[in-house]
């Protein structure tokens, strides 16, 4: 499938059913409100923290479900269905992201320390930077590779398989996948976690979290799934 066709498919998929957009919008808005609660040490604060984590896992689990069902040939947004199953899947996805980004942070921090200590050791610095970038780039193929291998959790960390996945989809699709992942992490996730990121108007926060972000989540996730589907079916 050509890239233009994938864009059109993802857009049509996103706007096909408004129920997932509304449900995701509610989740993101509730997350923003809960994140603004300061009573961390009280029972209410603990309950809020648990609910916040559960909703984050629910959102991540739903995103994975979209990718999995897209690869399996489903052209309609999935229902939320079994919430417990989605939360568990979201936990696994969040853990995967945490592992990759922690590893990236460790390598890039080590590179910066070497750079501060001595400019002579530029070869070591360069190697660490390359490793950190490779881990960061491979992280965006982890969820697709897992879906392609019957939900095997270990497949999310099989760097050789993920590398082969990138070779199969080609350079253009690989760059697209990395851009999609970067946009998702730095725009969607950040706007959920940090209420007030758009300081110029609070009501704009609501519009973005209730309408814009759900549409972006569905669109970008569907696009990622189509890339995985292309590997499976050509």
Protein backbone atom coordinates (compact mmCIF):
# COMPACT_ATOMS: atom_id res chain seq x y z
CA UNK A 1 0.00 0.00 0.00
CA UNK A 2 1.34 3.43 -0.96
CA UNK A 3 2.00 5.97 1.78
CA UNK A 4 -0.74 8.27 0.46
CA UNK A 5 -3.22 5.38 0.63
CA UNK A 6 -2.12 4.59 4.19
CA UNK A 7 -2.70 8.22 5.23
CA UNK A 8 -6.16 8.16 3.67
CA UNK A 9 -6.96 4.79 5.28
CA UNK A 10 -5.83 5.99 8.73
CA UNK A 11 -7.88 9.19 8.42
CA UNK A 12 -10.99 7.33 7.29
CA UNK A 13 -10.49 4.78 10.08
CA UNK A 14 -10.18 7.54 12.69
CA UNK A 15 -13.40 9.29 11.67
CA UNK A 16 -15.41 6.11 11.08
CA UNK A 17 -16.71 5.88 14.65
CA UNK A 18 -16.93 8.74 17.17
CA UNK A 19 -17.38 6.47 20.21
CA UNK A 20 -13.66 5.66 20.60
CA UNK A 21 -12.82 9.36 20.18
CA UNK A 22 -15.27 10.33 22.92
CA UNK A 23 -14.13 7.55 25.27
CA UNK A 24 -10.45 8.35 24.72
CA UNK A 25 -11.25 12.05 25.17
CA UNK A 26 -12.90 11.36 28.51
CA UNK A 27 -9.91 9.28 29.63
CA UNK A 28 -7.43 12.02 28.67
CA UNK A 29 -9.49 14.78 30.30
CA UNK A 30 -9.86 12.79 33.52
CA UNK A 31 -6.12 12.11 33.50
CA UNK A 32 -5.42 15.84 33.19
CA UNK A 33 -7.73 16.65 36.11
CA UNK A 34 -6.34 13.85 38.29
CA UNK A 35 -2.79 14.96 37.57
CA UNK A 36 -3.63 18.33 39.10
CA UNK A 37 -4.66 16.82 42.45
CA UNK A 38 -2.04 17.66 45.09
CA UNK A 39 -3.25 15.52 48.01
CA UNK A 40 -0.67 12.82 47.42
CA UNK A 41 -0.24 11.63 51.02
CA UNK A 42 -3.92 11.17 51.82
CA UNK A 43 -6.13 8.17 51.10
CA UNK A 44 -7.83 10.22 48.40
CA UNK A 45 -4.43 11.01 46.93
CA UNK A 46 -3.48 7.33 46.81
CA UNK A 47 -6.83 6.48 45.18
CA UNK A 48 -6.27 9.25 42.62
CA UNK A 49 -2.78 7.91 41.87
CA UNK A 50 -4.10 4.37 41.36
CA UNK A 51 -6.91 5.62 39.11
CA UNK A 52 -4.47 7.75 37.09
CA UNK A 53 -2.14 4.80 36.51
CA UNK A 54 -5.07 2.53 35.59
CA UNK A 55 -6.35 5.07 33.03
CA UNK A 56 -2.88 5.47 31.51
CA UNK A 57 -2.62 1.69 31.19
CA UNK A 58 -6.11 1.58 29.67
CA UNK A 59 -5.13 4.12 27.01
CA UNK A 60 -1.89 2.27 26.19
CA UNK A 61 -3.71 -1.07 26.08
CA UNK A 62 -6.25 0.32 23.65
CA UNK A 63 -3.51 1.65 21.39
CA UNK A 64 -1.91 -1.79 21.30
CA UNK A 65 -5.30 -3.35 20.50
CA UNK A 66 -5.65 -1.02 17.50
CA UNK A 67 -2.23 -2.08 16.16
CA UNK A 68 -2.92 -5.77 16.73
CA UNK A 69 -6.35 -5.74 15.10
CA UNK A 70 -5.09 -3.63 12.19
CA UNK A 71 -2.39 -6.22 11.50
CA UNK A 72 -5.04 -8.95 11.68
CA UNK A 73 -7.08 -7.14 9.01
CA UNK A 74 -9.76 -5.38 11.10
CA UNK A 75 -10.70 -2.07 9.45
CA UNK A 76 -12.92 -0.74 12.23
CA UNK A 77 -11.83 0.80 15.55
CA UNK A 78 -12.07 -1.91 18.24
CA UNK A 79 -14.40 -1.62 21.21
CA UNK A 80 -12.90 -1.12 24.65
CA UNK A 81 -14.44 -4.46 25.62
CA UNK A 82 -12.57 -6.16 28.49
CA UNK A 83 -11.16 -3.25 30.52
CA UNK A 84 -9.09 -5.56 32.73
CA UNK A 85 -7.41 -7.09 29.69
CA UNK A 86 -6.65 -3.65 28.24
CA UNK A 87 -5.16 -2.42 31.53
CA UNK A 88 -2.89 -5.48 31.78
CA UNK A 89 -1.79 -5.01 28.17
CA UNK A 90 -1.24 -1.31 28.85
CA UNK A 91 0.94 -2.22 31.83
CA UNK A 92 3.14 -4.35 29.57
CA UNK A 93 3.33 -1.60 26.93
CA UNK A 94 4.20 1.04 29.54
CA UNK A 95 6.89 -1.25 30.98
CA UNK A 96 8.34 -1.77 27.49
CA UNK A 97 8.49 1.98 26.83
CA UNK A 98 10.06 2.58 30.26
CA UNK A 99 12.80 -0.01 29.65
CA UNK A 100 13.72 1.41 26.24
CA UNK A 101 13.70 5.03 27.36
CA UNK A 102 15.63 4.25 30.55
CA UNK A 103 18.31 2.46 28.51
CA UNK A 104 18.43 5.41 26.08
CA UNK A 105 18.80 7.84 28.97
CA UNK A 106 21.61 5.80 30.60
CA UNK A 107 23.67 5.64 27.40
CA UNK A 108 23.19 9.30 26.47
CA UNK A 109 23.98 10.40 30.05
CA UNK A 110 27.16 8.31 29.99
CA UNK A 111 28.12 9.92 26.67
CA UNK A 112 27.60 13.40 28.12
CA UNK A 113 29.74 12.57 31.17
CA UNK A 114 32.57 11.33 28.96
CA UNK A 115 32.30 14.49 26.87
CA UNK A 116 32.60 16.65 29.99
CA UNK A 117 35.57 14.69 31.36
CA UNK A 118 37.68 14.66 28.21
CA UNK A 119 37.21 15.62 24.60
CA UNK A 120 39.98 13.17 23.71
CA UNK A 121 37.65 10.21 24.28
CA UNK A 122 35.38 11.26 21.43
CA UNK A 123 35.31 7.71 20.01
CA UNK A 124 33.73 6.37 23.22
CA UNK A 125 31.33 9.30 23.22
CA UNK A 126 30.38 8.63 19.59
CA UNK A 127 29.78 4.90 20.25
CA UNK A 128 27.53 5.62 23.25
CA UNK A 129 25.53 8.21 21.28
CA UNK A 130 25.03 5.74 18.41
CA UNK A 131 23.88 3.03 20.85
CA UNK A 132 21.43 5.40 22.56
CA UNK A 133 20.00 6.51 19.22
CA UNK A 134 19.68 2.90 18.03
CA UNK A 135 17.77 1.91 21.20
CA UNK A 136 15.51 4.96 20.84
CA UNK A 137 14.74 4.17 17.19
CA UNK A 138 14.18 0.45 17.84
CA UNK A 139 11.70 1.22 20.64
CA UNK A 140 9.06 2.35 18.12
CA UNK A 141 9.11 -1.02 16.37
CA UNK A 142 8.81 -2.97 19.62
CA UNK A 143 5.00 -2.87 19.86
CA UNK A 144 4.58 -3.83 16.20
CA UNK A 145 7.04 -6.70 16.50
CA UNK A 146 5.19 -7.98 19.55
CA UNK A 147 1.87 -7.90 17.69
CA UNK A 148 3.46 -9.70 14.73
CA UNK A 149 4.67 -12.51 17.00
CA UNK A 150 1.40 -13.52 18.69
CA UNK A 151 1.69 -11.08 21.63
CA UNK A 152 4.94 -12.66 22.88
CA UNK A 153 6.24 -10.11 25.37
CA UNK A 154 9.86 -11.07 24.74
CA UNK A 155 9.43 -10.07 21.07
CA UNK A 156 9.17 -6.43 22.17
CA UNK A 157 12.83 -6.70 23.23
CA UNK A 158 14.16 -8.83 20.37
CA UNK A 159 16.34 -6.18 18.76
CA UNK A 160 17.37 -8.46 15.89
CA UNK A 161 13.73 -9.12 14.95
CA UNK A 162 12.91 -5.41 15.20
CA UNK A 163 15.90 -4.63 13.01
CA UNK A 164 14.63 -7.14 10.43
CA UNK A 165 11.20 -5.51 10.65
CA UNK A 166 12.76 -2.17 9.69
CA UNK A 167 14.59 -3.80 6.78
CA UNK A 168 11.33 -5.30 5.52
CA UNK A 169 9.35 -2.06 5.62
CA UNK A 170 12.20 -0.05 4.10
CA UNK A 171 13.91 3.22 4.95
CA UNK A 172 10.94 5.52 4.21
CA UNK A 173 8.49 3.53 6.35
CA UNK A 174 11.10 3.22 9.13
CA UNK A 175 11.60 6.99 9.22
CA UNK A 176 7.81 7.44 9.19
CA UNK A 177 7.42 5.01 12.11
CA UNK A 178 10.08 6.85 14.13
CA UNK A 179 8.42 10.20 13.43
CA UNK A 180 5.02 8.77 14.44
CA UNK A 181 6.48 7.41 17.65
CA UNK A 182 8.29 10.64 18.47
CA UNK A 183 5.18 12.75 17.87
CA UNK A 184 3.10 10.36 20.01
CA UNK A 185 5.51 10.45 22.93
CA UNK A 186 6.38 14.15 22.87
CA UNK A 187 2.95 15.57 22.06
CA UNK A 188 0.16 13.21 23.08
CA UNK A 189 1.68 11.68 26.21
CA UNK A 190 3.13 14.98 27.46
CA UNK A 191 -0.17 16.80 27.05
CA UNK A 192 -1.91 14.10 29.08
CA UNK A 193 0.58 14.05 31.94
CA UNK A 194 1.12 17.81 32.24
CA UNK A 195 -2.09 19.75 32.65
CA UNK A 196 -1.65 23.32 31.56
CA UNK A 197 0.98 22.67 28.89
CA UNK A 198 -1.08 25.01 26.73
CA UNK A 199 -1.02 27.95 29.15
CA UNK A 200 -2.68 30.52 26.90
CA UNK A 201 -6.17 29.21 27.59
CA UNK A 202 -7.41 26.50 29.95
CA UNK A 203 -10.47 25.77 27.86
CA UNK A 204 -8.10 24.97 25.00
CA UNK A 205 -6.64 22.20 27.19
CA UNK A 206 -10.06 20.61 27.31
CA UNK A 207 -10.58 20.87 23.54
CA UNK A 208 -7.16 19.38 22.81
CA UNK A 209 -7.48 16.53 25.31
CA UNK A 210 -11.10 15.75 24.47
CA UNK A 211 -11.02 16.02 20.67
CA UNK A 212 -7.59 16.62 19.12
CA UNK A 213 -5.51 14.09 21.07
CA UNK A 214 -7.97 11.18 20.69
CA UNK A 215 -8.04 11.78 16.93
CA UNK A 216 -4.24 11.88 16.86
CA UNK A 217 -4.00 8.71 18.94
CA UNK A 218 -6.34 6.81 16.62
CA UNK A 219 -4.77 8.20 13.44
CA UNK A 220 -1.11 7.64 14.38
CA UNK A 221 -1.75 4.24 15.94
CA UNK A 222 -3.68 3.05 12.89
CA UNK A 223 -0.82 4.26 10.69
CA UNK A 224 1.66 2.26 12.80
CA UNK A 225 -0.57 -0.80 12.50
CA UNK A 226 -0.74 -0.42 8.71
CA UNK A 227 3.05 -0.46 8.57
CA UNK A 228 3.05 -3.72 10.53
CA UNK A 229 0.32 -5.11 8.29
CA UNK A 230 2.40 -4.29 5.24
CA UNK A 231 5.18 -6.52 6.57
CA UNK A 232 2.74 -9.39 7.05
CA UNK A 233 0.68 -9.19 3.89
CA UNK A 234 2.82 -7.08 1.56
